[in-house]
Amino acid sequence: SMVELCCETDFCSGNEDFQKALSDICMHVAANDPVPLA
């Protein structure tokens, strides 16, 4: 899976919590059944 997670600043997107959440959401999208449509 691929996920685009948007925020206001580059400082936020470089934060460890932001990156962990993004990684977890990617894993969720790949693994979840039913597959999200939107």
PDB file of all heavy atoms in Angstrom:
ATOM      1  N   SER A   1       0.833  -1.200   0.000  1.00  0.00           N
ATOM      2  CA  SER A   1       0.000   0.000   0.000  1.00  0.00           C
ATOM      3  C   SER A   1       0.869   1.252   0.000  1.00  0.00           C
ATOM      4  O   SER A   1       2.044   1.201   0.351  1.00  0.00           O
ATOM      5  CB  SER A   1      -0.902   0.016   1.237  1.00  0.00           C
ATOM      6  OG  SER A   1      -0.107   0.139   2.404  1.00  0.00           O
ATOM      7  N   MET A   2       0.247   2.371  -0.394  1.00  0.00           N
ATOM      8  CA  MET A   2       0.859   3.690  -0.291  1.00  0.00           C
ATOM      9  C   MET A   2      -0.181   4.638   0.287  1.00  0.00           C
ATOM     10  O   MET A   2      -1.364   4.540  -0.050  1.00  0.00           O
ATOM     11  CB  MET A   2       1.305   4.195  -1.661  1.00  0.00           C
ATOM     12  CG  MET A   2       2.465   3.431  -2.247  1.00  0.00           C
ATOM     13  SD  MET A   2       2.960   4.080  -3.849  1.00  0.00           S
ATOM     14  CE  MET A   2       3.849   5.543  -3.342  1.00  0.00           C
ATOM     15  N   VAL A   3       0.272   5.536   1.170  1.00  0.00           N
ATOM     16  CA  VAL A   3      -0.627   6.508   1.805  1.00  0.00           C
ATOM     17  C   VAL A   3       0.042   7.878   1.781  1.00  0.00           C
ATOM     18  O   VAL A   3       1.239   7.993   2.057  1.00  0.00           O
ATOM     19  CB  VAL A   3      -0.934   6.110   3.271  1.00  0.00           C
ATOM     20  CG1 VAL A   3      -1.729   7.201   3.984  1.00  0.00           C
ATOM     21  CG2 VAL A   3      -1.677   4.778   3.334  1.00  0.00           C
ATOM     22  N   GLU A   4      -0.739   8.920   1.452  1.00  0.00           N
ATOM     23  CA  GLU A   4      -0.256  10.294   1.536  1.00  0.00           C
ATOM     24  C   GLU A   4      -0.883  10.929   2.775  1.00  0.00           C
ATOM     25  O   GLU A   4      -2.110  11.078   2.865  1.00  0.00           O
ATOM     26  CB  GLU A   4      -0.668  11.086   0.286  1.00  0.00           C
ATOM     27  CG  GLU A   4      -0.185  12.524   0.322  1.00  0.00           C
ATOM     28  CD  GLU A   4      -0.663  13.345  -0.879  1.00  0.00           C
ATOM     29  OE1 GLU A   4      -1.232  12.756  -1.817  1.00  0.00           O
ATOM     30  OE2 GLU A   4      -0.463  14.569  -0.856  1.00  0.00           O
ATOM     31  N   LEU A   5      -0.024  11.274   3.751  1.00  0.00           N
ATOM     32  CA  LEU A   5      -0.474  11.909   4.987  1.00  0.00           C
ATOM     33  C   LEU A   5       0.014  13.360   4.956  1.00  0.00           C
ATOM     34  O   LEU A   5       1.219  13.606   4.879  1.00  0.00           O
ATOM     35  CB  LEU A   5       0.096  11.164   6.198  1.00  0.00           C
ATOM     36  CG  LEU A   5      -0.457  11.525   7.583  1.00  0.00           C
ATOM     37  CD1 LEU A   5      -1.965  11.229   7.668  1.00  0.00           C
ATOM     38  CD2 LEU A   5       0.283  10.765   8.669  1.00  0.00           C
ATOM     39  N   CYS A   6      -0.922  14.317   4.990  1.00  0.00           N
ATOM     40  CA  CYS A   6      -0.570  15.735   4.846  1.00  0.00           C
ATOM     41  C   CYS A   6      -0.606  16.459   6.189  1.00  0.00           C
ATOM     42  O   CYS A   6      -1.381  16.111   7.075  1.00  0.00           O
ATOM     43  CB  CYS A   6      -1.546  16.416   3.889  1.00  0.00           C
ATOM     44  SG  CYS A   6      -1.371  15.815   2.208  1.00  0.00           S
ATOM     45  N   CYS A   7       0.235  17.498   6.301  1.00  0.00           N
ATOM     46  CA  CYS A   7       0.286  18.334   7.501  1.00  0.00           C
ATOM     47  C   CYS A   7       0.651  19.751   7.081  1.00  0.00           C
ATOM     48  O   CYS A   7       0.754  20.044   5.885  1.00  0.00           O
ATOM     49  CB  CYS A   7       1.280  17.772   8.512  1.00  0.00           C
ATOM     50  SG  CYS A   7       2.957  17.639   7.865  1.00  0.00           S
ATOM     51  N   GLU A   8       0.859  20.628   8.065  1.00  0.00           N
ATOM     52  CA  GLU A   8       1.115  22.035   7.764  1.00  0.00           C
ATOM     53  C   GLU A   8       2.586  22.365   7.535  1.00  0.00           C
ATOM     54  O   GLU A   8       2.912  23.248   6.747  1.00  0.00           O
ATOM     55  CB  GLU A   8       0.582  22.908   8.899  1.00  0.00           C
ATOM     56  CG  GLU A   8      -0.925  22.827   9.067  1.00  0.00           C
ATOM     57  CD  GLU A   8      -1.378  23.556  10.315  1.00  0.00           C
ATOM     58  OE1 GLU A   8      -0.969  24.718  10.498  1.00  0.00           O
ATOM     59  OE2 GLU A   8      -2.120  22.968  11.115  1.00  0.00           O
ATOM     60  N   THR A   9       3.490  21.696   8.260  1.00  0.00           N
ATOM     61  CA  THR A   9       4.917  22.060   8.175  1.00  0.00           C
ATOM     62  C   THR A   9       5.802  20.835   7.978  1.00  0.00           C
ATOM     63  O   THR A   9       5.438  19.720   8.352  1.00  0.00           O
ATOM     64  CB  THR A   9       5.378  22.780   9.460  1.00  0.00           C
ATOM     65  OG1 THR A   9       5.309  21.856  10.561  1.00  0.00           O
ATOM     66  CG2 THR A   9       4.526  24.001   9.764  1.00  0.00           C
ATOM     67  N   ASP A  10       6.977  21.089   7.428  1.00  0.00           N
ATOM     68  CA  ASP A  10       7.971  20.034   7.241  1.00  0.00           C
ATOM     69  C   ASP A  10       8.470  19.524   8.592  1.00  0.00           C
ATOM     70  O   ASP A  10       8.821  18.355   8.735  1.00  0.00           O
ATOM     71  CB  ASP A  10       9.140  20.580   6.412  1.00  0.00           C
ATOM     72  CG  ASP A  10       9.994  19.465   5.843  1.00  0.00           C
ATOM     73  OD1 ASP A  10       9.416  18.451   5.436  1.00  0.00           O
ATOM     74  OD2 ASP A  10      11.224  19.606   5.826  1.00  0.00           O
ATOM     75  N   PHE A  11       8.471  20.410   9.584  1.00  0.00           N
ATOM     76  CA  PHE A  11       8.886  20.025  10.935  1.00  0.00           C
ATOM     77  C   PHE A  11       7.972  18.915  11.462  1.00  0.00           C
ATOM     78  O   PHE A  11       8.434  17.934  12.043  1.00  0.00           O
ATOM     79  CB  PHE A  11       8.821  21.250  11.867  1.00  0.00           C
ATOM     80  CG  PHE A  11       9.166  20.935  13.288  1.00  0.00           C
ATOM     81  CD1 PHE A  11      10.481  20.773  13.689  1.00  0.00           C
ATOM     82  CD2 PHE A  11       8.158  20.779  14.236  1.00  0.00           C
ATOM     83  CE1 PHE A  11      10.803  20.465  15.011  1.00  0.00           C
ATOM     84  CE2 PHE A  11       8.466  20.480  15.554  1.00  0.00           C
ATOM     85  CZ  PHE A  11       9.787  20.326  15.945  1.00  0.00           C
ATOM     86  N   CYS A  12       6.672  19.059  11.229  1.00  0.00           N
ATOM     87  CA  CYS A  12       5.704  18.057  11.683  1.00  0.00           C
ATOM     88  C   CYS A  12       5.893  16.742  10.930  1.00  0.00           C
ATOM     89  O   CYS A  12       5.909  15.668  11.528  1.00  0.00           O
ATOM     90  CB  CYS A  12       4.284  18.580  11.478  1.00  0.00           C
ATOM     91  SG  CYS A  12       2.997  17.414  11.967  1.00  0.00           S
ATOM     92  N   SER A  13       6.059  16.811   9.611  1.00  0.00           N
ATOM     93  CA  SER A  13       6.182  15.580   8.814  1.00  0.00           C
ATOM     94  C   SER A  13       7.458  14.812   9.143  1.00  0.00           C
ATOM     95  O   SER A  13       7.551  13.611   8.909  1.00  0.00           O
ATOM     96  CB  SER A  13       6.131  15.896   7.314  1.00  0.00           C
ATOM     97  OG  SER A  13       7.270  16.616   6.911  1.00  0.00           O
ATOM     98  N   GLY A  14       8.471  15.524   9.707  1.00  0.00           N
ATOM     99  CA  GLY A  14       9.711  14.854  10.100  1.00  0.00           C
ATOM    100  C   GLY A  14       9.649  14.269  11.501  1.00  0.00           C
ATOM    101  O   GLY A  14      10.579  13.572  11.921  1.00  0.00           O
ATOM    102  N   ASN A  15       8.539  14.528  12.212  1.00  0.00           N
ATOM    103  CA  ASN A  15       8.397  14.043  13.585  1.00  0.00           C
ATOM    104  C   ASN A  15       8.247  12.521  13.624  1.00  0.00           C
ATOM    105  O   ASN A  15       7.580  11.924  12.782  1.00  0.00           O
ATOM    106  CB  ASN A  15       7.171  14.713  14.225  1.00  0.00           C
ATOM    107  CG  ASN A  15       6.958  14.299  15.654  1.00  0.00           C
ATOM    108  OD1 ASN A  15       6.419  13.229  15.912  1.00  0.00           O
ATOM    109  ND2 ASN A  15       7.365  15.135  16.579  1.00  0.00           N
ATOM    110  N   GLU A  16       8.857  11.904  14.614  1.00  0.00           N
ATOM    111  CA  GLU A  16       8.833  10.439  14.750  1.00  0.00           C
ATOM    112  C   GLU A  16       7.406   9.891  14.908  1.00  0.00           C
ATOM    113  O   GLU A  16       7.057   8.869  14.328  1.00  0.00           O
ATOM    114  CB  GLU A  16       9.667  10.061  15.986  1.00  0.00           C
ATOM    115  CG  GLU A  16      10.008   8.589  16.062  1.00  0.00           C
ATOM    116  CD  GLU A  16      10.889   8.278  17.270  1.00  0.00           C
ATOM    117  OE1 GLU A  16      11.847   9.023  17.534  1.00  0.00           O
ATOM    118  OE2 GLU A  16      10.576   7.288  17.936  1.00  0.00           O
ATOM    119  N   ASP A  17       6.566  10.607  15.673  1.00  0.00           N
ATOM    120  CA  ASP A  17       5.177  10.158  15.867  1.00  0.00           C
ATOM    121  C   ASP A  17       4.394  10.216  14.560  1.00  0.00           C
ATOM    122  O   ASP A  17       3.580   9.343  14.267  1.00  0.00           O
ATOM    123  CB  ASP A  17       4.475  11.017  16.921  1.00  0.00           C
ATOM    124  CG  ASP A  17       5.014  10.768  18.324  1.00  0.00           C
ATOM    125  OD1 ASP A  17       5.270   9.595  18.652  1.00  0.00           O
ATOM    126  OD2 ASP A  17       5.194  11.734  19.084  1.00  0.00           O
ATOM    127  N   PHE A  18       4.639  11.263  13.770  1.00  0.00           N
ATOM    128  CA  PHE A  18       3.975  11.410  12.467  1.00  0.00           C
ATOM    129  C   PHE A  18       4.359  10.239  11.558  1.00  0.00           C
ATOM    130  O   PHE A  18       3.502   9.600  10.942  1.00  0.00           O
ATOM    131  CB  PHE A  18       4.396  12.736  11.826  1.00  0.00           C
ATOM    132  CG  PHE A  18       3.740  13.032  10.502  1.00  0.00           C
ATOM    133  CD1 PHE A  18       2.595  13.809  10.430  1.00  0.00           C
ATOM    134  CD2 PHE A  18       4.265  12.532   9.310  1.00  0.00           C
ATOM    135  CE1 PHE A  18       1.991  14.100   9.213  1.00  0.00           C
ATOM    136  CE2 PHE A  18       3.676  12.806   8.086  1.00  0.00           C
ATOM    137  CZ  PHE A  18       2.534  13.586   8.041  1.00  0.00           C
ATOM    138  N   GLN A  19       5.656   9.951  11.508  1.00  0.00           N
ATOM    139  CA  GLN A  19       6.143   8.888  10.622  1.00  0.00           C
ATOM    140  C   GLN A  19       5.673   7.502  11.070  1.00  0.00           C
ATOM    141  O   GLN A  19       5.366   6.644  10.247  1.00  0.00           O
ATOM    142  CB  GLN A  19       7.660   8.958  10.523  1.00  0.00           C
ATOM    143  CG  GLN A  19       8.106  10.213   9.785  1.00  0.00           C
ATOM    144  CD  GLN A  19       9.599  10.346   9.666  1.00  0.00           C
ATOM    145  OE1 GLN A  19      10.335   9.381   9.734  1.00  0.00           O
ATOM    146  NE2 GLN A  19      10.063  11.566   9.483  1.00  0.00           N
ATOM    147  N   LYS A  20       5.584   7.302  12.389  1.00  0.00           N
ATOM    148  CA  LYS A  20       5.092   6.012  12.892  1.00  0.00           C
ATOM    149  C   LYS A  20       3.611   5.835  12.545  1.00  0.00           C
ATOM    150  O   LYS A  20       3.175   4.768  12.108  1.00  0.00           O
ATOM    151  CB  LYS A  20       5.279   5.916  14.410  1.00  0.00           C
ATOM    152  CG  LYS A  20       4.840   4.546  14.946  1.00  0.00           C
ATOM    153  CD  LYS A  20       4.978   4.420  16.434  1.00  0.00           C
ATOM    154  CE  LYS A  20       4.626   3.027  16.926  1.00  0.00           C
ATOM    155  NZ  LYS A  20       3.407   2.454  16.379  1.00  0.00           N
ATOM    156  N   ALA A  21       2.827   6.921  12.732  1.00  0.00           N
ATOM    157  CA  ALA A  21       1.404   6.855  12.392  1.00  0.00           C
ATOM    158  C   ALA A  21       1.221   6.562  10.907  1.00  0.00           C
ATOM    159  O   ALA A  21       0.380   5.731  10.520  1.00  0.00           O
ATOM    160  CB  ALA A  21       0.709   8.161  12.769  1.00  0.00           C
ATOM    161  N   LEU A  22       2.020   7.214  10.059  1.00  0.00           N
ATOM    162  CA  LEU A  22       1.951   6.984   8.609  1.00  0.00           C
ATOM    163  C   LEU A  22       2.261   5.528   8.288  1.00  0.00           C
ATOM    164  O   LEU A  22       1.542   4.876   7.512  1.00  0.00           O
ATOM    165  CB  LEU A  22       2.922   7.921   7.892  1.00  0.00           C
ATOM    166  CG  LEU A  22       3.078   7.736   6.386  1.00  0.00           C
ATOM    167  CD1 LEU A  22       1.741   7.837   5.669  1.00  0.00           C
ATOM    168  CD2 LEU A  22       4.075   8.748   5.823  1.00  0.00           C
ATOM    169  N   SER A  23       3.309   4.999   8.889  1.00  0.00           N
ATOM    170  CA  SER A  23       3.696   3.605   8.669  1.00  0.00           C
ATOM    171  C   SER A  23       2.591   2.641   9.101  1.00  0.00           C
ATOM    172  O   SER A  23       2.258   1.686   8.401  1.00  0.00           O
ATOM    173  CB  SER A  23       4.988   3.320   9.442  1.00  0.00           C
ATOM    174  OG  SER A  23       5.323   1.976   9.377  1.00  0.00           O
ATOM    175  N   ASP A  24       1.981   2.924  10.260  1.00  0.00           N
ATOM    176  CA  ASP A  24       0.900   2.067  10.773  1.00  0.00           C
ATOM    177  C   ASP A  24      -0.334   2.126   9.879  1.00  0.00           C
ATOM    178  O   ASP A  24      -0.998   1.111   9.651  1.00  0.00           O
ATOM    179  CB  ASP A  24       0.523   2.485  12.201  1.00  0.00           C
ATOM    180  CG  ASP A  24       1.589   2.109  13.218  1.00  0.00           C
ATOM    181  OD1 ASP A  24       2.474   1.292  12.887  1.00  0.00           O
ATOM    182  OD2 ASP A  24       1.539   2.629  14.349  1.00  0.00           O
ATOM    183  N   ILE A  25      -0.649   3.330   9.373  1.00  0.00           N
ATOM    184  CA  ILE A  25      -1.818   3.468   8.489  1.00  0.00           C
ATOM    185  C   ILE A  25      -1.574   2.721   7.175  1.00  0.00           C
ATOM    186  O   ILE A  25      -2.477   2.076   6.633  1.00  0.00           O
ATOM    187  CB  ILE A  25      -2.156   4.954   8.244  1.00  0.00           C
ATOM    188  CG1 ILE A  25      -2.625   5.603   9.560  1.00  0.00           C
ATOM    189  CG2 ILE A  25      -3.242   5.103   7.176  1.00  0.00           C
ATOM    190  CD1 ILE A  25      -2.667   7.121   9.540  1.00  0.00           C
ATOM    191  N   CYS A  26      -0.340   2.776   6.664  1.00  0.00           N
ATOM    192  CA  CYS A  26       0.015   2.006   5.457  1.00  0.00           C
ATOM    193  C   CYS A  26      -0.217   0.516   5.690  1.00  0.00           C
ATOM    194  O   CYS A  26      -0.782  -0.189   4.837  1.00  0.00           O
ATOM    195  CB  CYS A  26       1.475   2.235   5.081  1.00  0.00           C
ATOM    196  SG  CYS A  26       1.815   3.853   4.383  1.00  0.00           S
ATOM    197  N   MET A  27       0.222   0.032   6.838  1.00  0.00           N
ATOM    198  CA  MET A  27       0.055  -1.385   7.173  1.00  0.00           C
ATOM    199  C   MET A  27      -1.430  -1.734   7.280  1.00  0.00           C
ATOM    200  O   MET A  27      -1.882  -2.774   6.804  1.00  0.00           O
ATOM    201  CB  MET A  27       0.771  -1.700   8.492  1.00  0.00           C
ATOM    202  CG  MET A  27       0.984  -3.182   8.718  1.00  0.00           C
ATOM    203  SD  MET A  27       1.844  -3.532  10.268  1.00  0.00           S
ATOM    204  CE  MET A  27       3.415  -2.748   9.981  1.00  0.00           C
ATOM    205  N   HIS A  28      -2.204  -0.838   7.886  1.00  0.00           N
ATOM    206  CA  HIS A  28      -3.649  -1.053   8.020  1.00  0.00           C
ATOM    207  C   HIS A  28      -4.300  -1.193   6.643  1.00  0.00           C
ATOM    208  O   HIS A  28      -5.094  -2.104   6.407  1.00  0.00           O
ATOM    209  CB  HIS A  28      -4.293   0.114   8.782  1.00  0.00           C
ATOM    210  CG  HIS A  28      -5.786   0.064   8.774  1.00  0.00           C
ATOM    211  ND1 HIS A  28      -6.511  -0.515   9.795  1.00  0.00           N
ATOM    212  CD2 HIS A  28      -6.691   0.493   7.865  1.00  0.00           C
ATOM    213  CE1 HIS A  28      -7.801  -0.442   9.501  1.00  0.00           C
ATOM    214  NE2 HIS A  28      -7.935   0.175   8.335  1.00  0.00           N
ATOM    215  N   VAL A  29      -3.966  -0.263   5.725  1.00  0.00           N
ATOM    216  CA  VAL A  29      -4.562  -0.281   4.384  1.00  0.00           C
ATOM    217  C   VAL A  29      -4.240  -1.586   3.662  1.00  0.00           C
ATOM    218  O   VAL A  29      -5.098  -2.190   3.010  1.00  0.00           O
ATOM    219  CB  VAL A  29      -4.086   0.939   3.546  1.00  0.00           C
ATOM    220  CG1 VAL A  29      -4.489   0.801   2.087  1.00  0.00           C
ATOM    221  CG2 VAL A  29      -4.648   2.227   4.133  1.00  0.00           C
ATOM    222  N   ALA A  30      -2.991  -2.046   3.802  1.00  0.00           N
ATOM    223  CA  ALA A  30      -2.582  -3.283   3.124  1.00  0.00           C
ATOM    224  C   ALA A  30      -3.277  -4.506   3.711  1.00  0.00           C
ATOM    225  O   ALA A  30      -3.659  -5.420   2.991  1.00  0.00           O
ATOM    226  CB  ALA A  30      -1.064  -3.453   3.222  1.00  0.00           C
ATOM    227  N   ALA A  31      -3.451  -4.509   5.037  1.00  0.00           N
ATOM    228  CA  ALA A  31      -3.912  -5.727   5.711  1.00  0.00           C
ATOM    229  C   ALA A  31      -5.417  -5.802   5.916  1.00  0.00           C
ATOM    230  O   ALA A  31      -5.966  -6.883   6.122  1.00  0.00           O
ATOM    231  CB  ALA A  31      -3.219  -5.839   7.075  1.00  0.00           C
ATOM    232  N   ASN A  32      -6.113  -4.666   5.890  1.00  0.00           N
ATOM    233  CA  ASN A  32      -7.510  -4.658   6.327  1.00  0.00           C
ATOM    234  C   ASN A  32      -8.454  -5.333   5.339  1.00  0.00           C
ATOM    235  O   ASN A  32      -8.295  -5.239   4.135  1.00  0.00           O
ATOM    236  CB  ASN A  32      -8.001  -3.230   6.579  1.00  0.00           C
ATOM    237  CG  ASN A  32      -9.220  -3.229   7.476  1.00  0.00           C
ATOM    238  OD1 ASN A  32      -9.130  -3.578   8.642  1.00  0.00           O
ATOM    239  ND2 ASN A  32     -10.357  -2.847   6.945  1.00  0.00           N
ATOM    240  N   ASP A  33      -9.427  -6.027   5.890  1.00  0.00           N
ATOM    241  CA  ASP A  33     -10.493  -6.644   5.105  1.00  0.00           C
ATOM    242  C   ASP A  33     -11.807  -6.318   5.814  1.00  0.00           C
ATOM    243  O   ASP A  33     -11.948  -6.691   6.981  1.00  0.00           O
ATOM    244  CB  ASP A  33     -10.276  -8.155   5.031  1.00  0.00           C
ATOM    245  CG  ASP A  33     -11.270  -8.835   4.102  1.00  0.00           C
ATOM    246  OD1 ASP A  33     -11.760  -8.163   3.182  1.00  0.00           O
ATOM    247  OD2 ASP A  33     -11.561 -10.012   4.320  1.00  0.00           O
ATOM    248  N   PRO A  34     -12.744  -5.596   5.204  1.00  0.00           N
ATOM    249  CA  PRO A  34     -12.774  -5.224   3.794  1.00  0.00           C
ATOM    250  C   PRO A  34     -11.779  -4.115   3.444  1.00  0.00           C
ATOM    251  O   PRO A  34     -11.410  -3.315   4.293  1.00  0.00           O
ATOM    252  CB  PRO A  34     -14.214  -4.747   3.574  1.00  0.00           C
ATOM    253  CG  PRO A  34     -14.700  -4.347   4.919  1.00  0.00           C
ATOM    254  CD  PRO A  34     -13.975  -5.184   5.912  1.00  0.00           C
ATOM    255  N   VAL A  35     -11.409  -4.102   2.168  1.00  0.00           N
ATOM    256  CA  VAL A  35     -10.477  -3.105   1.648  1.00  0.00           C
ATOM    257  C   VAL A  35     -11.197  -1.752   1.634  1.00  0.00           C
ATOM    258  O   VAL A  35     -12.331  -1.648   1.159  1.00  0.00           O
ATOM    259  CB  VAL A  35     -10.052  -3.472   0.210  1.00  0.00           C
ATOM    260  CG1 VAL A  35      -9.158  -2.396  -0.379  1.00  0.00           C
ATOM    261  CG2 VAL A  35      -9.355  -4.818   0.200  1.00  0.00           C
ATOM    262  N   PRO A  36     -10.570  -0.692   2.170  1.00  0.00           N
ATOM    263  CA  PRO A  36     -11.217   0.625   2.102  1.00  0.00           C
ATOM    264  C   PRO A  36     -11.361   1.089   0.653  1.00  0.00           C
ATOM    265  O   PRO A  36     -10.481   0.852  -0.168  1.00  0.00           O
ATOM    266  CB  PRO A  36     -10.270   1.531   2.893  1.00  0.00           C
ATOM    267  CG  PRO A  36      -8.959   0.813   2.951  1.00  0.00           C
ATOM    268  CD  PRO A  36      -9.260  -0.646   2.845  1.00  0.00           C
ATOM    269  N   LEU A  37     -12.479   1.739   0.357  1.00  0.00           N
ATOM    270  CA  LEU A  37     -12.736   2.228  -1.000  1.00  0.00           C
ATOM    271  C   LEU A  37     -12.500   3.733  -1.119  1.00  0.00           C
ATOM    272  O   LEU A  37     -12.348   4.251  -2.215  1.00  0.00           O
ATOM    273  CB  LEU A  37     -14.185   1.918  -1.409  1.00  0.00           C
ATOM    274  CG  LEU A  37     -14.573   0.440  -1.461  1.00  0.00           C
ATOM    275  CD1 LEU A  37     -16.052   0.307  -1.776  1.00  0.00           C
ATOM    276  CD2 LEU A  37     -13.743  -0.297  -2.515  1.00  0.00           C
ATOM    277  N   ALA A  38     -12.516   4.432   0.030  1.00  0.00           N
ATOM    278  CA  ALA A  38     -12.326   5.886   0.037  1.00  0.00           C
ATOM    279  C   ALA A  38     -11.826   6.304   1.410  1.00  0.00           C
ATOM    280  O   ALA A  38     -11.912   5.536   2.369  1.00  0.00           O
ATOM    281  CB  ALA A  38     -13.644   6.590  -0.286  1.00  0.00           C
TER     282      ALA A  38
END
